[in-house]
N, C-alpha and C. Protein backbone atom coordinates (compact mmCIF):
# COMPACT_ATOMS: atom_id res chain seq x y z
N MET A 1 0.93 -1.21 -0.14
CA MET A 1 -0.11 -0.02 -0.13
C MET A 1 0.93 1.29 -0.07
N SER A 2 0.49 2.12 -0.91
CA SER A 2 1.29 3.37 -1.00
C SER A 2 1.13 4.39 0.11
N LYS A 3 1.97 4.97 0.55
CA LYS A 3 1.61 6.17 1.87
C LYS A 3 1.64 7.28 1.34
N LYS A 4 1.63 7.50 -0.27
CA LYS A 4 1.56 8.98 -0.88
C LYS A 4 0.33 9.23 -0.64
N LYS A 5 0.04 10.66 -0.67
CA LYS A 5 -1.21 11.22 -0.22
C LYS A 5 -1.84 11.29 -1.73
N PRO A 6 -3.02 10.93 -1.87
CA PRO A 6 -3.87 10.90 -3.16
C PRO A 6 -3.90 12.21 -3.86
N ILE A 7 -4.03 12.28 -5.16
CA ILE A 7 -4.20 13.49 -5.81
C ILE A 7 -5.55 13.85 -6.22
N PHE A 8 -6.08 14.88 -5.81
CA PHE A 8 -7.39 15.24 -6.09
C PHE A 8 -7.43 16.27 -7.23
N PRO A 9 -8.26 16.09 -8.43
CA PRO A 9 -8.36 17.07 -9.31
C PRO A 9 -9.17 18.25 -8.99
N ILE A 10 -8.58 19.50 -9.49
CA ILE A 10 -9.29 20.70 -9.09
C ILE A 10 -10.57 20.70 -10.14
N ASN A 11 -11.72 20.74 -9.32
CA ASN A 11 -13.37 20.82 -10.13
C ASN A 11 -13.46 22.25 -10.57
N GLU A 12 -14.29 22.41 -11.46
CA GLU A 12 -14.87 23.82 -12.11
C GLU A 12 -15.42 24.87 -11.29
N LYS A 13 -15.87 24.27 -9.98
CA LYS A 13 -16.01 25.33 -8.86
C LYS A 13 -14.93 25.98 -8.28
N LEU A 14 -13.76 25.18 -7.96
CA LEU A 14 -12.49 25.78 -7.51
C LEU A 14 -12.06 26.51 -8.54
N SER A 15 -12.01 25.97 -9.83
CA SER A 15 -11.08 26.67 -11.03
C SER A 15 -11.94 27.95 -11.14
N ASP A 16 -13.11 28.08 -11.02
CA ASP A 16 -13.89 29.43 -11.12
C ASP A 16 -13.62 30.49 -10.06
N TYR A 17 -13.45 29.92 -8.89
CA TYR A 17 -13.07 30.68 -7.76
C TYR A 17 -11.60 31.13 -7.89
N LEU A 18 -10.70 30.42 -8.52
CA LEU A 18 -9.31 30.82 -8.73
C LEU A 18 -9.19 31.68 -9.77
N THR A 19 -10.10 31.63 -10.66
CA THR A 19 -10.09 32.68 -11.77
C THR A 19 -10.67 33.90 -11.33
N THR A 20 -11.72 34.24 -10.59
CA THR A 20 -12.37 35.30 -9.89
C THR A 20 -11.31 36.07 -9.01
N TYR A 21 -10.57 35.46 -8.44
CA TYR A 21 -9.44 35.83 -7.40
C TYR A 21 -8.08 35.95 -8.00
N ASN A 22 -8.23 36.08 -9.60
CA ASN A 22 -6.81 36.14 -10.08
C ASN A 22 -5.63 35.12 -9.90
N ARG A 23 -6.11 34.02 -9.53
CA ARG A 23 -5.07 32.99 -9.38
C ARG A 23 -5.01 32.11 -10.52
N ASN A 24 -5.47 32.25 -11.49
CA ASN A 24 -5.43 31.51 -12.85
C ASN A 24 -4.66 32.40 -13.80
N SER A 25 -3.41 31.84 -14.24
CA SER A 25 -2.59 32.62 -15.22
C SER A 25 -2.02 31.65 -16.42
N LYS A 26 -1.71 32.49 -17.49
CA LYS A 26 -0.88 31.85 -18.55
C LYS A 26 0.45 32.49 -18.35
N ILE A 27 1.32 31.61 -18.28
CA ILE A 27 2.94 31.97 -18.30
C ILE A 27 3.59 31.01 -19.40
N SER A 28 4.84 31.46 -19.48
CA SER A 28 5.54 30.79 -20.79
C SER A 28 6.41 29.77 -20.19
N ILE A 29 6.31 29.21 -18.75
CA ILE A 29 7.12 28.23 -18.20
C ILE A 29 6.18 27.33 -17.60
N PHE A 30 6.24 25.82 -17.63
CA PHE A 30 5.64 24.93 -16.83
C PHE A 30 6.85 23.96 -16.33
N TYR A 31 5.99 23.35 -15.40
CA TYR A 31 6.73 22.41 -14.56
C TYR A 31 7.58 21.38 -15.38
N ASN A 32 7.21 21.02 -16.62
CA ASN A 32 8.12 19.83 -17.34
C ASN A 32 9.32 20.81 -17.84
N ASP A 33 9.15 22.07 -18.27
CA ASP A 33 10.35 22.66 -18.85
C ASP A 33 11.49 22.64 -17.87
N LEU A 34 11.09 22.72 -16.49
CA LEU A 34 12.12 22.62 -15.40
C LEU A 34 12.82 21.40 -15.28
N LEU A 35 11.88 20.19 -15.77
CA LEU A 35 12.56 19.05 -15.60
C LEU A 35 13.48 18.65 -16.57
N ARG A 36 13.81 19.49 -17.64
CA ARG A 36 14.63 19.17 -18.68
C ARG A 36 16.07 19.82 -18.30
N PHE A 37 16.68 19.59 -17.02
CA PHE A 37 17.89 19.81 -16.40
C PHE A 37 18.85 18.94 -17.07
N SER A 38 19.98 19.15 -17.58
CA SER A 38 21.11 18.16 -17.83
C SER A 38 21.86 17.40 -17.02
N ALA A 39 22.01 18.24 -15.72
CA ALA A 39 23.03 17.55 -14.81
C ALA A 39 22.29 18.11 -13.46
N SER A 40 22.98 17.72 -12.30
CA SER A 40 22.60 18.09 -11.01
C SER A 40 23.74 17.48 -9.99
N VAL A 41 23.64 18.38 -8.97
CA VAL A 41 24.63 18.03 -7.92
C VAL A 41 23.74 17.90 -6.60
N LYS A 42 24.05 17.17 -5.55
CA LYS A 42 23.42 17.14 -4.29
C LYS A 42 23.67 18.47 -3.57
N VAL A 43 22.70 19.06 -3.03
CA VAL A 43 22.66 19.98 -2.05
C VAL A 43 22.98 19.58 -0.64
N LEU A 44 24.01 19.98 -0.11
CA LEU A 44 24.51 19.43 1.28
C LEU A 44 23.99 20.65 2.27
N ASN A 45 23.86 20.23 3.54
CA ASN A 45 23.58 21.40 4.57
C ASN A 45 24.96 21.57 5.23
N GLU A 46 24.84 22.45 6.14
CA GLU A 46 26.30 22.96 6.83
C GLU A 46 27.03 21.82 7.60
N ASN A 47 26.23 20.68 7.73
CA ASN A 47 26.93 19.59 8.41
C ASN A 47 27.38 18.70 7.43
N GLY A 48 27.22 18.90 5.94
CA GLY A 48 27.57 18.09 4.83
C GLY A 48 26.74 17.03 4.82
N GLU A 49 25.49 16.94 5.24
CA GLU A 49 24.46 15.80 5.16
C GLU A 49 23.63 16.24 3.97
N ASP A 50 23.22 15.41 3.19
CA ASP A 50 22.34 15.34 1.95
C ASP A 50 20.95 15.76 2.34
N THR A 51 20.47 16.80 1.67
CA THR A 51 19.25 17.49 2.05
C THR A 51 18.05 17.05 1.15
N LEU A 52 18.38 16.00 0.31
CA LEU A 52 17.37 15.43 -0.75
C LEU A 52 16.88 16.67 -1.59
N TRP A 53 17.68 17.65 -1.79
CA TRP A 53 17.37 18.60 -2.76
C TRP A 53 18.75 18.46 -3.68
N VAL A 54 18.59 18.53 -5.10
CA VAL A 54 19.62 18.79 -5.91
C VAL A 54 19.64 20.04 -6.79
N ARG A 55 20.88 20.41 -6.84
CA ARG A 55 20.94 21.75 -7.65
C ARG A 55 21.02 21.46 -9.22
N ALA A 56 19.78 21.85 -10.03
CA ALA A 56 19.75 21.49 -11.34
C ALA A 56 20.59 22.53 -12.20
N HIS A 57 21.18 21.95 -13.19
CA HIS A 57 22.01 22.64 -14.26
C HIS A 57 21.50 22.31 -15.68
N TYR A 58 21.18 23.38 -16.32
CA TYR A 58 20.57 23.37 -17.60
C TYR A 58 21.66 23.58 -18.93
N ASP A 59 21.44 23.16 -19.92
CA ASP A 59 22.24 23.68 -21.07
C ASP A 59 22.29 25.13 -21.45
N GLU A 60 23.16 25.56 -21.89
CA GLU A 60 23.40 27.05 -21.87
C GLU A 60 22.01 27.70 -22.72
N TYR A 61 21.78 27.11 -23.84
CA TYR A 61 20.79 27.71 -24.77
C TYR A 61 19.44 27.54 -24.02
N GLU A 62 19.20 26.59 -23.08
CA GLU A 62 17.88 26.56 -22.30
C GLU A 62 17.88 27.37 -21.25
N ARG A 63 18.98 27.52 -20.45
CA ARG A 63 19.09 28.32 -19.21
C ARG A 63 18.58 29.80 -19.32
N ASP A 64 19.08 30.53 -20.55
CA ASP A 64 18.70 31.69 -20.53
C ASP A 64 17.29 31.80 -20.82
N GLU A 65 16.63 31.08 -21.77
CA GLU A 65 15.07 31.09 -21.72
C GLU A 65 14.32 30.78 -20.38
N ILE A 66 14.76 29.77 -19.71
CA ILE A 66 14.20 29.54 -18.37
C ILE A 66 14.13 30.71 -17.34
N GLU A 67 15.52 31.19 -17.29
CA GLU A 67 15.64 32.31 -16.30
C GLU A 67 14.81 33.40 -16.54
N LEU A 68 14.74 33.75 -17.89
CA LEU A 68 13.70 34.87 -18.47
C LEU A 68 12.50 34.62 -17.88
N SER A 69 12.14 33.53 -18.27
CA SER A 69 10.57 33.13 -18.00
C SER A 69 10.35 33.28 -16.28
N LEU A 70 11.27 32.79 -15.53
CA LEU A 70 11.30 32.76 -14.13
C LEU A 70 11.28 34.10 -13.56
N LYS A 71 11.90 35.06 -14.11
CA LYS A 71 11.84 36.57 -13.88
C LYS A 71 10.71 37.03 -14.21
N LYS A 72 10.14 36.68 -15.28
CA LYS A 72 8.84 37.38 -15.64
C LYS A 72 7.86 36.98 -14.53
N VAL A 73 7.80 35.60 -14.25
CA VAL A 73 6.95 35.11 -13.27
C VAL A 73 7.08 35.92 -11.85
N TYR A 74 8.41 36.18 -11.43
CA TYR A 74 8.68 36.92 -10.10
C TYR A 74 8.05 38.15 -10.43
N THR A 75 8.35 38.93 -11.59
CA THR A 75 7.85 40.45 -11.48
C THR A 75 6.28 40.32 -11.56
N ILE A 76 5.48 39.29 -12.09
CA ILE A 76 4.08 39.36 -12.04
C ILE A 76 3.75 39.17 -10.48
N LEU A 77 4.24 38.35 -9.89
CA LEU A 77 3.99 38.21 -8.37
C LEU A 77 4.37 39.14 -7.49
N HIS A 78 5.42 39.96 -7.96
CA HIS A 78 5.98 41.17 -6.94
C HIS A 78 5.80 42.49 -7.34
N SER A 79 5.61 42.68 -8.85
CA SER A 79 5.60 44.13 -9.15
C SER A 79 4.63 44.32 -10.29
N ASP A 80 3.35 43.67 -10.17
CA ASP A 80 2.27 43.70 -11.06
C ASP A 80 2.88 43.42 -12.62
N GLY A 81 4.01 42.73 -12.84
CA GLY A 81 4.26 42.37 -14.24
C GLY A 81 5.36 43.45 -14.93
N ASN A 82 5.63 44.53 -13.93
CA ASN A 82 6.62 45.49 -14.48
C ASN A 82 7.83 44.95 -14.99
N GLU A 83 8.23 44.82 -16.21
CA GLU A 83 9.34 43.87 -16.71
C GLU A 83 10.42 44.75 -16.79
N GLU A 84 10.43 46.26 -16.28
CA GLU A 84 11.53 47.18 -16.22
C GLU A 84 12.64 46.59 -15.03
N THR A 85 11.97 45.82 -14.06
CA THR A 85 13.04 45.35 -13.08
C THR A 85 13.59 44.06 -13.53
N ILE A 86 13.39 43.49 -14.73
CA ILE A 86 14.07 42.11 -14.87
C ILE A 86 15.54 42.18 -14.88
N LYS A 87 16.10 43.58 -15.47
CA LYS A 87 17.37 43.74 -15.50
C LYS A 87 18.27 43.61 -14.27
N TYR A 88 17.51 43.82 -13.23
CA TYR A 88 18.05 43.85 -11.58
C TYR A 88 18.02 42.65 -11.02
N LEU A 89 17.30 41.66 -11.54
CA LEU A 89 17.01 40.14 -11.09
C LEU A 89 17.99 39.18 -11.57
N THR A 90 18.52 38.43 -10.51
CA THR A 90 19.34 37.21 -11.10
C THR A 90 18.65 35.93 -10.59
N ILE A 91 18.65 34.77 -11.21
CA ILE A 91 18.35 33.44 -10.67
C ILE A 91 19.46 32.78 -10.27
N ASP A 92 19.79 32.63 -9.00
CA ASP A 92 20.82 32.31 -8.09
C ASP A 92 21.03 30.67 -8.14
N GLU A 93 19.58 30.12 -7.88
CA GLU A 93 19.92 28.49 -7.90
C GLU A 93 18.59 28.05 -8.26
N ILE A 94 18.51 26.81 -8.87
CA ILE A 94 17.38 26.21 -9.33
C ILE A 94 17.41 24.92 -8.68
N ASP A 95 16.79 24.34 -7.51
CA ASP A 95 16.83 23.27 -6.86
C ASP A 95 15.67 22.31 -7.12
N TYR A 96 15.93 21.05 -7.02
CA TYR A 96 14.77 20.03 -7.23
C TYR A 96 14.70 19.25 -6.23
N CYS A 97 13.69 18.94 -5.58
CA CYS A 97 13.45 18.13 -4.30
C CYS A 97 12.94 16.64 -4.94
N THR A 98 13.96 15.80 -4.30
CA THR A 98 13.94 14.38 -4.72
C THR A 98 12.86 13.56 -3.99
N PHE A 99 12.07 14.15 -3.06
CA PHE A 99 11.35 13.41 -2.27
C PHE A 99 9.71 14.07 -2.20
N GLY A 100 8.81 13.49 -1.66
CA GLY A 100 7.59 13.89 -1.61
C GLY A 100 6.69 13.65 -2.84
N ASN A 101 5.44 13.90 -2.74
CA ASN A 101 4.54 13.88 -3.74
C ASN A 101 4.70 14.78 -5.13
N SER A 102 4.74 16.09 -4.57
CA SER A 102 4.82 17.08 -5.54
C SER A 102 6.15 17.57 -6.09
N LYS A 103 7.25 16.99 -5.71
CA LYS A 103 8.60 17.01 -6.21
C LYS A 103 8.72 18.58 -6.80
N PRO A 104 8.87 19.76 -5.69
CA PRO A 104 9.09 20.93 -6.03
C PRO A 104 10.20 21.48 -6.57
N PHE A 105 10.12 22.33 -7.26
CA PHE A 105 11.40 23.25 -7.56
C PHE A 105 11.43 24.35 -6.83
N ARG A 106 12.74 24.77 -6.19
CA ARG A 106 12.83 26.02 -5.51
C ARG A 106 13.86 26.85 -6.05
N ILE A 107 13.54 27.96 -6.53
CA ILE A 107 14.06 29.04 -7.27
C ILE A 107 14.44 30.06 -6.35
N LYS A 108 15.92 30.51 -6.34
CA LYS A 108 16.36 31.50 -5.47
C LYS A 108 16.25 32.76 -6.42
N VAL A 109 15.49 33.84 -6.35
CA VAL A 109 15.62 34.95 -6.98
C VAL A 109 16.14 36.19 -6.18
N ARG A 110 17.35 36.75 -6.84
CA ARG A 110 17.95 37.85 -6.04
C ARG A 110 17.94 39.22 -6.79
N ASN A 111 17.48 40.12 -6.09
CA ASN A 111 17.60 41.72 -6.61
C ASN A 111 18.98 42.09 -6.43
N ILE A 112 19.67 42.33 -7.52
CA ILE A 112 21.18 42.72 -7.45
C ILE A 112 21.30 44.09 -6.73
N LEU A 113 20.41 44.92 -6.76
CA LEU A 113 20.41 46.31 -6.42
C LEU A 113 20.66 46.28 -4.90
N ASN A 114 19.92 45.58 -4.24
CA ASN A 114 20.04 45.57 -2.62
C ASN A 114 20.40 43.98 -2.04
N ASP A 115 20.75 43.18 -2.99
CA ASP A 115 21.24 41.80 -2.61
C ASP A 115 20.04 41.10 -1.77
N ASN A 116 18.75 41.67 -1.84
CA ASN A 116 17.70 40.65 -1.22
C ASN A 116 17.52 39.70 -1.93
N TYR A 117 16.79 38.59 -1.52
CA TYR A 117 16.35 37.36 -2.44
C TYR A 117 15.06 36.73 -1.71
N THR A 118 14.38 35.91 -2.27
CA THR A 118 13.55 35.38 -2.02
C THR A 118 13.17 34.06 -2.83
N TYR A 119 12.28 33.11 -2.47
CA TYR A 119 12.29 31.92 -3.20
C TYR A 119 10.92 31.71 -3.82
N LEU A 120 11.18 31.03 -5.03
CA LEU A 120 9.75 31.00 -5.69
C LEU A 120 9.53 29.37 -5.86
N TYR A 121 8.52 28.82 -5.63
CA TYR A 121 8.45 27.45 -5.55
C TYR A 121 7.34 27.05 -6.77
N VAL A 122 7.91 25.92 -7.64
CA VAL A 122 7.11 25.37 -8.56
C VAL A 122 6.68 24.07 -8.34
N LYS A 123 5.46 23.73 -8.34
CA LYS A 123 4.97 22.24 -7.91
C LYS A 123 3.78 21.88 -8.81
N ARG A 124 3.93 20.52 -8.89
CA ARG A 124 2.65 19.79 -9.35
C ARG A 124 1.49 20.08 -8.15
N ALA A 125 0.34 20.49 -8.70
CA ALA A 125 -0.79 20.87 -7.43
C ALA A 125 -1.75 20.10 -7.79
N ASP A 126 -2.66 20.05 -6.62
CA ASP A 126 -4.04 19.35 -6.65
C ASP A 126 -4.93 20.02 -5.76
N ALA A 127 -6.20 19.65 -6.01
CA ALA A 127 -7.27 20.43 -4.91
C ALA A 127 -6.76 20.77 -3.61
N SER A 128 -6.31 19.80 -2.95
CA SER A 128 -6.05 19.78 -1.50
C SER A 128 -4.97 20.84 -1.28
N ARG A 129 -3.84 20.88 -2.16
CA ARG A 129 -2.67 21.86 -2.17
C ARG A 129 -3.37 23.34 -2.12
N VAL A 130 -4.22 23.53 -3.21
CA VAL A 130 -4.57 24.53 -3.55
C VAL A 130 -5.74 25.09 -2.37
N TYR A 131 -6.62 24.35 -1.90
CA TYR A 131 -7.12 24.75 -0.71
C TYR A 131 -6.41 25.24 0.53
N GLY A 132 -5.50 24.41 0.82
CA GLY A 132 -4.55 24.72 1.94
C GLY A 132 -3.85 26.14 1.70
N LEU A 133 -3.31 26.40 0.35
CA LEU A 133 -2.69 27.59 0.25
C LEU A 133 -3.60 28.97 0.40
N GLU A 134 -4.80 28.69 -0.21
CA GLU A 134 -5.63 29.89 -0.17
C GLU A 134 -6.38 30.08 1.16
N LEU A 135 -6.46 29.02 1.91
CA LEU A 135 -6.81 29.17 3.22
C LEU A 135 -5.90 29.60 4.21
N GLU A 136 -4.53 29.48 3.91
CA GLU A 136 -3.34 29.99 4.60
C GLU A 136 -3.44 31.66 4.21
N HIS A 137 -3.40 31.93 3.11
CA HIS A 137 -3.74 33.32 2.42
C HIS A 137 -4.61 33.90 3.27
N ILE A 138 -5.94 33.41 3.46
CA ILE A 138 -7.04 33.99 4.08
C ILE A 138 -6.66 34.53 5.73
N VAL A 139 -6.28 33.66 6.29
CA VAL A 139 -6.16 33.81 7.63
C VAL A 139 -4.75 33.79 8.29
N SER A 140 -3.76 33.98 7.35
CA SER A 140 -2.25 34.06 7.81
C SER A 140 -2.00 35.52 7.76
N PRO A 141 -0.96 36.01 8.75
CA PRO A 141 -0.48 37.39 8.54
C PRO A 141 0.51 37.35 7.48
N ASN A 142 0.90 36.31 7.09
CA ASN A 142 2.03 36.35 5.98
C ASN A 142 1.34 36.53 4.53
N ARG A 143 1.96 37.11 3.71
CA ARG A 143 1.12 37.37 2.40
C ARG A 143 1.66 35.93 1.62
N ILE A 144 0.71 35.68 0.82
CA ILE A 144 1.12 34.21 0.02
C ILE A 144 0.37 34.56 -1.35
N ASN A 145 1.38 34.41 -2.32
CA ASN A 145 0.85 34.60 -3.63
C ASN A 145 1.03 33.29 -4.38
N PHE A 146 0.08 32.73 -5.29
CA PHE A 146 0.11 31.50 -6.09
C PHE A 146 -0.71 31.62 -6.98
N TRP A 147 -0.45 30.93 -8.30
CA TRP A 147 -1.24 30.91 -9.27
C TRP A 147 -1.36 29.26 -9.67
N PHE A 148 -2.25 28.79 -10.41
CA PHE A 148 -2.46 27.62 -10.72
C PHE A 148 -2.60 27.78 -12.51
N ILE A 149 -2.02 26.64 -13.08
CA ILE A 149 -2.17 26.67 -14.49
C ILE A 149 -2.58 25.22 -15.22
N LYS A 150 -3.71 25.36 -15.84
CA LYS A 150 -4.31 24.18 -16.33
C LYS A 150 -3.66 23.65 -17.43
N LYS A 151 -3.27 22.44 -17.37
CA LYS A 151 -2.50 21.89 -18.73
C LYS A 151 -2.81 20.27 -18.80
N PRO A 152 -3.45 19.68 -19.71
CA PRO A 152 -3.70 18.31 -19.56
C PRO A 152 -2.37 17.61 -19.70
N LEU A 153 -2.45 16.21 -19.10
CA LEU A 153 -1.42 15.50 -19.06
C LEU A 153 -1.22 14.91 -20.82
N SER A 154 -2.35 14.44 -21.12
CA SER A 154 -2.40 13.96 -22.58
C SER A 154 -3.94 14.23 -22.91
N LYS A 155 -4.31 14.23 -24.33
CA LYS A 155 -5.62 14.33 -24.82
C LYS A 155 -6.65 13.16 -24.03
N ASN A 156 -5.93 11.80 -23.87
CA ASN A 156 -6.68 10.77 -23.36
C ASN A 156 -7.10 11.00 -21.73
N ILE A 157 -6.19 11.56 -21.07
CA ILE A 157 -6.18 11.54 -19.49
C ILE A 157 -7.06 13.06 -19.11
N SER A 158 -6.89 13.93 -20.05
CA SER A 158 -7.17 15.30 -19.66
C SER A 158 -8.74 15.23 -19.15
N GLN A 159 -9.75 14.34 -19.57
CA GLN A 159 -10.94 14.34 -19.01
C GLN A 159 -10.94 13.93 -17.45
N VAL A 160 -10.23 13.02 -17.33
CA VAL A 160 -10.06 12.32 -15.97
C VAL A 160 -9.18 13.30 -14.83
N PHE A 161 -8.19 13.82 -15.41
CA PHE A 161 -7.23 14.48 -14.56
C PHE A 161 -6.58 15.68 -15.44
N ARG A 162 -6.47 16.83 -14.66
CA ARG A 162 -5.79 17.93 -15.33
C ARG A 162 -4.72 18.01 -14.57
N ALA A 163 -3.32 18.00 -15.21
CA ALA A 163 -2.15 18.39 -14.73
C ALA A 163 -2.12 19.90 -14.17
N MET A 164 -1.80 19.96 -12.97
CA MET A 164 -1.83 21.58 -12.44
C MET A 164 -0.37 21.94 -12.15
N ILE A 165 0.05 23.21 -12.36
CA ILE A 165 1.39 23.80 -11.89
C ILE A 165 0.80 24.66 -10.97
N LEU A 166 1.59 24.68 -9.67
CA LEU A 166 1.48 25.63 -8.74
C LEU A 166 2.51 26.58 -8.46
N LEU A 167 2.49 27.67 -8.66
CA LEU A 167 3.66 28.82 -8.29
C LEU A 167 3.21 29.39 -6.95
N ASN A 168 4.11 28.99 -6.18
CA ASN A 168 3.97 29.54 -4.60
C ASN A 168 4.94 30.21 -4.17
N ILE A 169 4.79 31.37 -3.86
CA ILE A 169 5.95 32.25 -3.11
C ILE A 169 5.32 32.88 -1.90
N ILE A 170 6.04 32.66 -0.95
CA ILE A 170 5.80 33.17 0.54
C ILE A 170 6.81 34.30 0.81
N SER A 171 6.10 35.43 0.98
CA SER A 171 6.93 36.74 1.23
C SER A 171 7.44 36.61 2.71
N ARG A 172 8.71 37.34 2.89
CA ARG A 172 9.34 37.14 4.17
C ARG A 172 8.67 38.23 5.19
N HIS A 173 8.03 39.12 4.59
CA HIS A 173 7.38 40.55 5.20
C HIS A 173 6.01 40.06 5.78
N LEU A 174 5.89 40.23 6.98
CA LEU A 174 4.49 39.94 7.76
C LEU A 174 3.57 41.12 7.22
N GLN A 175 2.30 40.95 7.06
CA GLN A 175 1.45 41.80 6.64
C GLN A 175 0.28 41.89 7.55
N LYS A 176 -0.11 42.96 8.10
CA LYS A 176 -1.27 42.93 9.09
C LYS A 176 -2.55 42.73 8.16
N GLU A 177 -3.38 41.83 8.45
CA GLU A 177 -4.67 41.81 7.65
C GLU A 177 -5.77 42.08 8.70
N GLN A 178 -6.80 42.58 8.17
CA GLN A 178 -7.98 42.83 8.86
C GLN A 178 -8.50 41.21 9.12
N ASN A 179 -9.55 41.31 10.08
CA ASN A 179 -10.51 39.79 10.22
C ASN A 179 -10.82 39.34 8.96
N HIS A 180 -10.38 38.04 8.90
CA HIS A 180 -10.73 37.42 7.60
C HIS A 180 -11.74 36.27 7.66
N ARG A 181 -12.67 36.33 6.71
CA ARG A 181 -13.62 35.20 6.95
C ARG A 181 -13.55 34.29 5.44
N LEU A 182 -13.69 33.25 5.79
CA LEU A 182 -13.81 32.22 4.56
C LEU A 182 -14.79 32.71 3.78
N PRO A 183 -14.30 33.19 2.48
CA PRO A 183 -15.48 33.63 1.59
C PRO A 183 -16.36 32.54 1.11
N ARG A 184 -17.62 32.79 0.92
CA ARG A 184 -18.86 32.05 0.66
C ARG A 184 -18.38 31.08 -0.62
N SER A 185 -17.99 31.65 -1.65
CA SER A 185 -17.70 30.96 -2.82
C SER A 185 -16.60 29.70 -2.57
N LEU A 186 -15.68 30.05 -1.58
CA LEU A 186 -14.53 29.06 -1.34
C LEU A 186 -15.14 27.84 -0.52
N SER A 187 -15.91 28.23 0.40
CA SER A 187 -16.65 27.21 1.28
C SER A 187 -17.58 26.29 0.35
N ASN A 188 -18.29 26.98 -0.41
CA ASN A 188 -19.08 26.22 -1.35
C ASN A 188 -18.44 25.36 -2.20
N SER A 189 -17.12 25.64 -2.66
CA SER A 189 -16.48 24.78 -3.62
C SER A 189 -15.68 23.77 -3.11
N MET A 190 -15.45 24.00 -1.63
CA MET A 190 -14.81 22.76 -0.87
C MET A 190 -15.88 21.82 -0.61
N ASN A 191 -17.13 22.11 -0.44
CA ASN A 191 -18.12 21.10 -0.31
C ASN A 191 -18.28 20.19 -1.67
N ALA A 192 -17.84 20.84 -2.82
CA ALA A 192 -18.22 20.18 -4.05
C ALA A 192 -17.01 19.14 -4.37
N VAL A 193 -15.91 19.06 -3.65
CA VAL A 193 -14.70 18.07 -4.00
C VAL A 193 -15.11 16.87 -3.46
């Protein structure tokens, strides 16, 4: 018996909710694009122990395109898509997690003007992850930005399951939020899963 968490497809009500609240987006990079790395090395912690993350390395002709796409994603999440800031961003690391269900990528994006950095996470997503992130965004003092992107696995499987990509970035800055209530549309869509 597998101990992996089952994958729950995102239904139309949840998809409509995410579209209403600008969580649905079309971008030029997908999870499968990041899987095309040509080499990797283990990422070790300060004690020299394996962290189960690997640093992904891409062929030069692909790396430029991937980095530009990731910078565009960052600008959409942090500066409403103002691409003038792209020249001040660098992608320091692209790490791939070798364990867990979602096998996320962790991308370190650094602003070269002030040397501040943050992480951008790219994951395969399902309804339970999306509900969890949306609920955390509603009730947490931390600001959470994420998107989902519909992309069928294949023409045959698309009616049963839609592959989802989740871009999740959690800001380091705390934000005071007013009292939050779970929106009626979210609670209705939770009942439909």
